[in-house]
N, C-alpha and C. Protein backbone atom coordinates (compact mmCIF):
# COMPACT_ATOMS: atom_id res chain seq x y z
N MET A 1 27.59 -18.88 -34.35
CA MET A 1 27.21 -18.61 -33.12
C MET A 1 26.80 -19.80 -32.66
N GLN A 2 26.07 -20.44 -34.35
CA GLN A 2 25.33 -21.42 -33.19
C GLN A 2 26.12 -22.59 -32.66
N ALA A 3 27.64 -22.64 -33.83
CA ALA A 3 28.52 -24.20 -33.84
C ALA A 3 29.35 -23.22 -32.00
N LEU A 4 29.65 -22.90 -31.33
CA LEU A 4 29.48 -22.11 -30.38
C LEU A 4 28.85 -22.63 -29.11
N LEU A 5 28.04 -22.08 -29.62
CA LEU A 5 26.57 -23.01 -28.29
C LEU A 5 27.32 -24.15 -27.98
N ALA A 6 26.93 -24.75 -29.23
CA ALA A 6 27.17 -26.09 -29.37
C ALA A 6 28.14 -26.97 -28.26
N LEU A 7 29.71 -26.01 -28.98
CA LEU A 7 30.86 -26.49 -27.73
C LEU A 7 30.33 -26.06 -26.86
N TYR A 8 29.31 -25.66 -26.46
CA TYR A 8 30.03 -25.05 -25.07
C TYR A 8 27.79 -25.91 -24.36
N VAL A 9 27.64 -26.34 -25.21
CA VAL A 9 26.47 -27.25 -23.95
C VAL A 9 27.46 -28.56 -24.57
N ASP A 10 28.13 -29.44 -24.92
CA ASP A 10 28.16 -30.90 -25.72
C ASP A 10 29.65 -30.63 -24.88
N VAL A 11 30.75 -29.69 -24.75
CA VAL A 11 31.97 -30.22 -23.81
C VAL A 11 32.49 -29.34 -23.09
N VAL A 12 32.35 -27.55 -22.94
CA VAL A 12 32.48 -27.09 -21.79
C VAL A 12 31.38 -27.15 -20.15
N ARG A 13 30.52 -27.46 -20.66
CA ARG A 13 28.94 -27.41 -19.87
C ARG A 13 28.65 -28.88 -18.98
N PRO A 14 29.31 -30.33 -19.97
CA PRO A 14 29.67 -30.72 -18.70
C PRO A 14 30.15 -31.38 -17.93
N LEU A 15 31.21 -30.40 -17.48
CA LEU A 15 33.26 -30.30 -16.90
C LEU A 15 32.94 -29.32 -15.53
N VAL A 16 31.89 -28.39 -15.74
CA VAL A 16 31.32 -27.99 -14.80
C VAL A 16 30.43 -27.74 -13.91
N ALA A 17 29.00 -28.98 -14.86
CA ALA A 17 27.44 -28.98 -14.71
C ALA A 17 27.43 -29.57 -13.14
N PRO A 18 26.69 -29.47 -11.75
CA PRO A 18 27.14 -30.49 -11.05
C PRO A 18 26.16 -31.96 -11.58
N LYS A 19 26.55 -33.30 -10.64
CA LYS A 19 26.64 -34.09 -10.76
C LYS A 19 25.37 -34.78 -10.60
N GLY A 20 24.94 -35.06 -11.38
CA GLY A 20 23.36 -36.04 -11.16
C GLY A 20 22.21 -35.17 -11.35
N GLU A 21 22.74 -33.63 -12.37
CA GLU A 21 21.33 -32.83 -12.64
C GLU A 21 20.45 -33.62 -13.61
N ASN A 22 19.10 -32.58 -12.93
CA ASN A 22 18.68 -33.21 -14.65
C ASN A 22 18.04 -32.21 -15.21
N LYS A 23 19.10 -32.75 -16.73
CA LYS A 23 18.98 -31.88 -18.21
C LYS A 23 18.08 -31.53 -18.44
N ASP A 24 16.79 -31.94 -17.81
CA ASP A 24 15.40 -30.52 -18.63
C ASP A 24 15.40 -29.56 -18.55
N THR A 25 15.63 -29.49 -16.75
CA THR A 25 15.26 -28.41 -15.88
C THR A 25 16.44 -28.73 -15.03
N ALA A 26 17.86 -27.61 -16.12
CA ALA A 26 19.00 -27.12 -15.31
C ALA A 26 18.69 -25.97 -15.89
N MET A 27 19.49 -25.00 -15.21
CA MET A 27 20.10 -23.85 -16.07
C MET A 27 21.09 -24.00 -16.53
N LEU A 28 21.48 -23.42 -18.38
CA LEU A 28 22.22 -23.90 -19.52
C LEU A 28 22.80 -22.97 -19.28
N PHE A 29 23.46 -21.16 -18.48
CA PHE A 29 25.06 -21.42 -18.16
C PHE A 29 25.47 -21.26 -16.58
N LEU A 30 26.35 -21.86 -17.00
CA LEU A 30 27.36 -21.97 -15.38
C LEU A 30 28.35 -21.21 -14.58
N ASN A 31 28.42 -21.28 -14.46
CA ASN A 31 29.69 -20.36 -13.57
C ASN A 31 30.40 -21.67 -13.66
N LEU A 32 32.02 -21.36 -13.23
CA LEU A 32 32.94 -22.42 -13.38
C LEU A 32 32.76 -23.29 -12.06
N ASP A 33 32.01 -23.33 -11.41
CA ASP A 33 32.09 -24.00 -9.95
C ASP A 33 30.99 -24.24 -10.53
N GLY A 34 30.55 -24.77 -10.92
CA GLY A 34 28.40 -24.55 -11.76
C GLY A 34 27.87 -24.79 -11.09
N THR A 35 28.45 -23.40 -10.02
CA THR A 35 26.52 -22.45 -10.26
C THR A 35 25.95 -21.75 -11.49
N PRO A 36 24.63 -21.34 -11.00
CA PRO A 36 24.18 -20.55 -11.80
C PRO A 36 25.17 -19.54 -12.88
N ASP A 37 24.74 -18.86 -13.43
CA ASP A 37 25.66 -18.33 -13.86
C ASP A 37 24.34 -16.09 -13.86
N ARG A 38 24.85 -16.04 -12.95
CA ARG A 38 23.08 -15.18 -12.65
C ARG A 38 23.92 -12.92 -13.50
N LEU A 39 24.34 -13.54 -14.65
CA LEU A 39 25.33 -12.16 -14.82
C LEU A 39 25.61 -12.17 -16.71
N LEU A 40 24.23 -13.15 -17.17
CA LEU A 40 24.31 -13.66 -18.68
C LEU A 40 24.14 -12.26 -19.26
N GLY A 41 22.98 -11.10 -18.63
CA GLY A 41 22.94 -10.15 -19.56
C GLY A 41 23.96 -9.43 -19.51
N ARG A 42 24.49 -9.19 -18.63
CA ARG A 42 26.00 -8.64 -17.99
C ARG A 42 27.05 -8.71 -19.51
N HIS A 43 27.33 -10.15 -19.71
CA HIS A 43 27.71 -10.26 -20.12
C HIS A 43 27.09 -10.69 -22.06
N VAL A 44 25.80 -10.99 -22.67
CA VAL A 44 25.99 -10.56 -22.89
C VAL A 44 25.89 -8.64 -24.22
N GLU A 45 25.31 -7.92 -23.16
CA GLU A 45 25.75 -6.45 -23.72
C GLU A 45 27.99 -6.36 -24.25
N ARG A 46 27.60 -7.03 -23.11
CA ARG A 46 30.36 -6.65 -23.05
C ARG A 46 29.97 -7.38 -24.54
N TYR A 47 29.27 -8.73 -24.58
CA TYR A 47 29.98 -9.18 -26.14
C TYR A 47 29.61 -8.04 -27.61
N PHE A 48 27.77 -7.87 -27.17
CA PHE A 48 27.73 -6.93 -28.72
C PHE A 48 28.55 -5.86 -28.43
N ARG A 49 29.24 -5.12 -27.92
CA ARG A 49 29.30 -3.36 -27.01
C ARG A 49 30.55 -4.20 -28.09
N THR A 50 31.92 -4.96 -27.64
CA THR A 50 33.00 -5.27 -27.38
C THR A 50 33.37 -5.83 -28.84
N ALA A 51 32.20 -6.41 -29.86
CA ALA A 51 32.59 -7.23 -30.98
C ALA A 51 31.87 -7.16 -32.10
N LEU A 52 30.81 -5.50 -31.77
CA LEU A 52 30.17 -4.36 -33.08
C LEU A 52 29.86 -3.47 -32.79
N ASN A 53 30.73 -3.16 -30.68
CA ASN A 53 30.27 -1.83 -30.80
C ASN A 53 28.45 -1.43 -30.71
N LEU A 54 27.78 -1.72 -30.39
CA LEU A 54 26.35 -1.52 -30.14
C LEU A 54 25.62 -1.81 -28.54
N LYS A 55 25.10 -1.35 -28.77
CA LYS A 55 23.94 -1.93 -27.07
C LYS A 55 22.60 -2.06 -27.21
N ILE A 56 23.01 -3.45 -27.09
CA ILE A 56 22.26 -4.16 -26.82
C ILE A 56 22.22 -5.57 -26.13
N THR A 57 20.61 -5.41 -25.45
CA THR A 57 20.34 -6.29 -24.03
C THR A 57 20.05 -7.04 -24.50
N THR A 58 19.00 -8.24 -23.25
CA THR A 58 18.70 -9.77 -23.20
C THR A 58 17.33 -9.08 -23.73
N THR A 59 17.06 -7.33 -23.28
CA THR A 59 15.73 -7.47 -24.00
C THR A 59 15.20 -7.16 -24.99
N THR A 60 16.63 -5.91 -25.58
CA THR A 60 16.70 -6.12 -27.37
C THR A 60 15.64 -7.42 -27.40
N ILE A 61 17.38 -8.43 -26.78
CA ILE A 61 17.25 -9.87 -27.90
C ILE A 61 15.93 -10.57 -28.13
N ARG A 62 14.90 -10.41 -26.82
CA ARG A 62 13.72 -10.59 -26.54
C ARG A 62 12.59 -9.77 -27.28
N LYS A 63 12.79 -8.60 -28.08
CA LYS A 63 12.01 -7.75 -28.50
C LYS A 63 12.02 -7.84 -29.63
N MET A 64 12.59 -8.14 -30.67
CA MET A 64 13.60 -9.05 -31.46
C MET A 64 12.97 -10.22 -31.19
N ALA A 65 12.45 -11.43 -31.01
CA ALA A 65 12.05 -12.04 -30.95
C ALA A 65 10.82 -12.10 -31.08
N GLU A 66 10.32 -11.46 -29.96
CA GLU A 66 8.91 -11.77 -30.20
C GLU A 66 7.84 -10.84 -31.12
N THR A 67 8.52 -9.53 -31.58
CA THR A 67 8.37 -8.58 -32.78
C THR A 67 8.91 -9.51 -34.93
N THR A 68 8.88 -10.33 -34.65
CA THR A 68 9.28 -11.43 -35.37
C THR A 68 9.00 -12.43 -35.63
N ALA A 69 8.04 -12.90 -33.96
CA ALA A 69 6.63 -13.59 -34.21
C ALA A 69 6.25 -13.22 -34.54
N ALA A 70 5.93 -12.66 -33.83
CA ALA A 70 4.30 -11.56 -34.26
C ALA A 70 3.83 -11.08 -35.66
N ASP A 71 5.12 -11.16 -36.15
CA ASP A 71 4.96 -10.66 -38.13
C ASP A 71 4.49 -11.93 -37.97
N LEU A 72 5.60 -13.25 -38.07
CA LEU A 72 4.99 -14.02 -38.68
C LEU A 72 3.69 -14.30 -38.70
N PHE A 73 3.87 -14.45 -38.05
CA PHE A 73 1.91 -14.73 -37.44
C PHE A 73 1.04 -13.99 -37.56
N ARG A 74 0.90 -12.58 -38.21
CA ARG A 74 0.11 -12.54 -38.95
C ARG A 74 -0.09 -12.08 -40.00
N ARG A 75 1.15 -12.88 -40.77
CA ARG A 75 1.08 -12.61 -42.38
C ARG A 75 1.33 -14.65 -42.64
N GLY A 76 0.81 -15.05 -41.41
CA GLY A 76 0.31 -16.69 -42.10
C GLY A 76 1.69 -17.69 -42.14
N LEU A 77 2.86 -17.42 -41.58
CA LEU A 77 3.34 -18.45 -41.86
C LEU A 77 4.30 -18.14 -39.50
N LEU A 78 4.04 -18.20 -39.06
CA LEU A 78 3.78 -19.50 -38.04
C LEU A 78 2.31 -19.17 -37.32
N THR A 79 2.02 -21.03 -36.70
CA THR A 79 0.71 -20.85 -36.74
C THR A 79 0.99 -19.96 -34.62
N GLN A 80 0.03 -20.72 -34.05
CA GLN A 80 -0.28 -20.44 -33.31
C GLN A 80 -0.23 -21.67 -32.03
N ALA A 81 0.44 -22.54 -31.90
CA ALA A 81 0.86 -22.74 -31.47
C ALA A 81 3.05 -22.42 -31.56
N GLN A 82 3.42 -22.63 -32.32
CA GLN A 82 4.65 -21.96 -32.55
C GLN A 82 4.44 -20.44 -31.83
N LYS A 83 3.75 -19.64 -32.45
CA LYS A 83 3.63 -18.09 -31.62
C LYS A 83 3.89 -18.48 -30.85
N GLU A 84 2.88 -19.35 -28.89
CA GLU A 84 3.08 -19.64 -28.18
C GLU A 84 4.62 -20.63 -27.24
N ALA A 85 5.43 -20.74 -28.44
CA ALA A 85 6.11 -21.66 -28.43
C ALA A 85 7.12 -20.88 -28.16
N CYS A 86 7.32 -19.78 -28.69
CA CYS A 86 8.38 -18.86 -28.46
C CYS A 86 8.17 -17.80 -27.06
N HIS A 87 6.83 -17.26 -27.25
CA HIS A 87 6.37 -16.60 -25.17
C HIS A 87 6.93 -17.41 -24.11
N PHE A 88 6.72 -18.59 -24.44
CA PHE A 88 7.94 -20.08 -23.57
C PHE A 88 8.70 -20.00 -23.71
N VAL A 89 9.84 -19.49 -24.88
CA VAL A 89 11.06 -19.67 -24.75
C VAL A 89 11.66 -18.30 -24.00
N ILE A 90 10.92 -17.72 -24.06
CA ILE A 90 11.62 -16.24 -24.01
C ILE A 90 10.83 -14.90 -22.46
N GLY A 91 10.08 -16.65 -21.34
CA GLY A 91 10.01 -16.82 -20.14
C GLY A 91 9.10 -15.89 -20.14
N HIS A 92 7.92 -15.64 -21.02
CA HIS A 92 6.75 -14.62 -20.83
C HIS A 92 5.40 -15.42 -21.03
N SER A 93 4.51 -14.03 -19.96
CA SER A 93 3.59 -14.62 -20.67
C SER A 93 2.87 -14.04 -21.93
N GLN A 94 1.83 -14.37 -22.71
CA GLN A 94 1.12 -14.16 -24.44
C GLN A 94 0.56 -12.44 -23.82
N THR A 95 0.58 -12.09 -22.85
CA THR A 95 -0.63 -10.69 -22.59
C THR A 95 0.99 -10.44 -22.18
N THR A 96 2.26 -10.79 -21.75
CA THR A 96 3.50 -9.65 -21.02
C THR A 96 3.85 -9.60 -22.33
N SER A 97 4.30 -10.40 -23.49
CA SER A 97 4.60 -9.94 -24.37
C SER A 97 3.72 -9.29 -25.36
N GLU A 98 2.58 -8.97 -25.14
CA GLU A 98 2.09 -8.28 -26.59
C GLU A 98 2.46 -7.23 -26.32
N ASN A 99 1.83 -6.97 -24.04
CA ASN A 99 1.87 -5.78 -23.60
C ASN A 99 3.20 -5.23 -23.88
N PHE A 100 4.67 -5.18 -23.13
CA PHE A 100 5.96 -4.60 -23.31
C PHE A 100 6.98 -4.91 -24.53
N TYR A 101 7.42 -6.63 -25.16
CA TYR A 101 7.93 -6.60 -26.09
C TYR A 101 7.55 -6.57 -27.88
N VAL A 102 5.90 -6.77 -28.49
CA VAL A 102 5.56 -6.36 -29.35
C VAL A 102 5.66 -5.47 -29.76
N GLN A 103 6.71 -4.50 -30.53
CA GLN A 103 6.58 -4.06 -31.26
C GLN A 103 6.12 -3.31 -32.66
């Protein structure tokens, strides 16, 4: 999976990315016309259903990531800064993550 993502980022995405975009703030997944792909959640669900016959959504992935980070933090295997970085990547505040994602 990591190799496929690297291939997408390094080879495919630059072919459709808008010229002069700020790579630090640009959307990662684009349509062929260079606009942000707003259906990513559907693509994720379809992949897991087709490839593994599982119902996995982007929310499920967020819950797994946040729950794992919280568990690692409780066991002293993750620093506060690393835990906060996880919240940032997931796109929610610590409060939202703990109230809705951590199980």
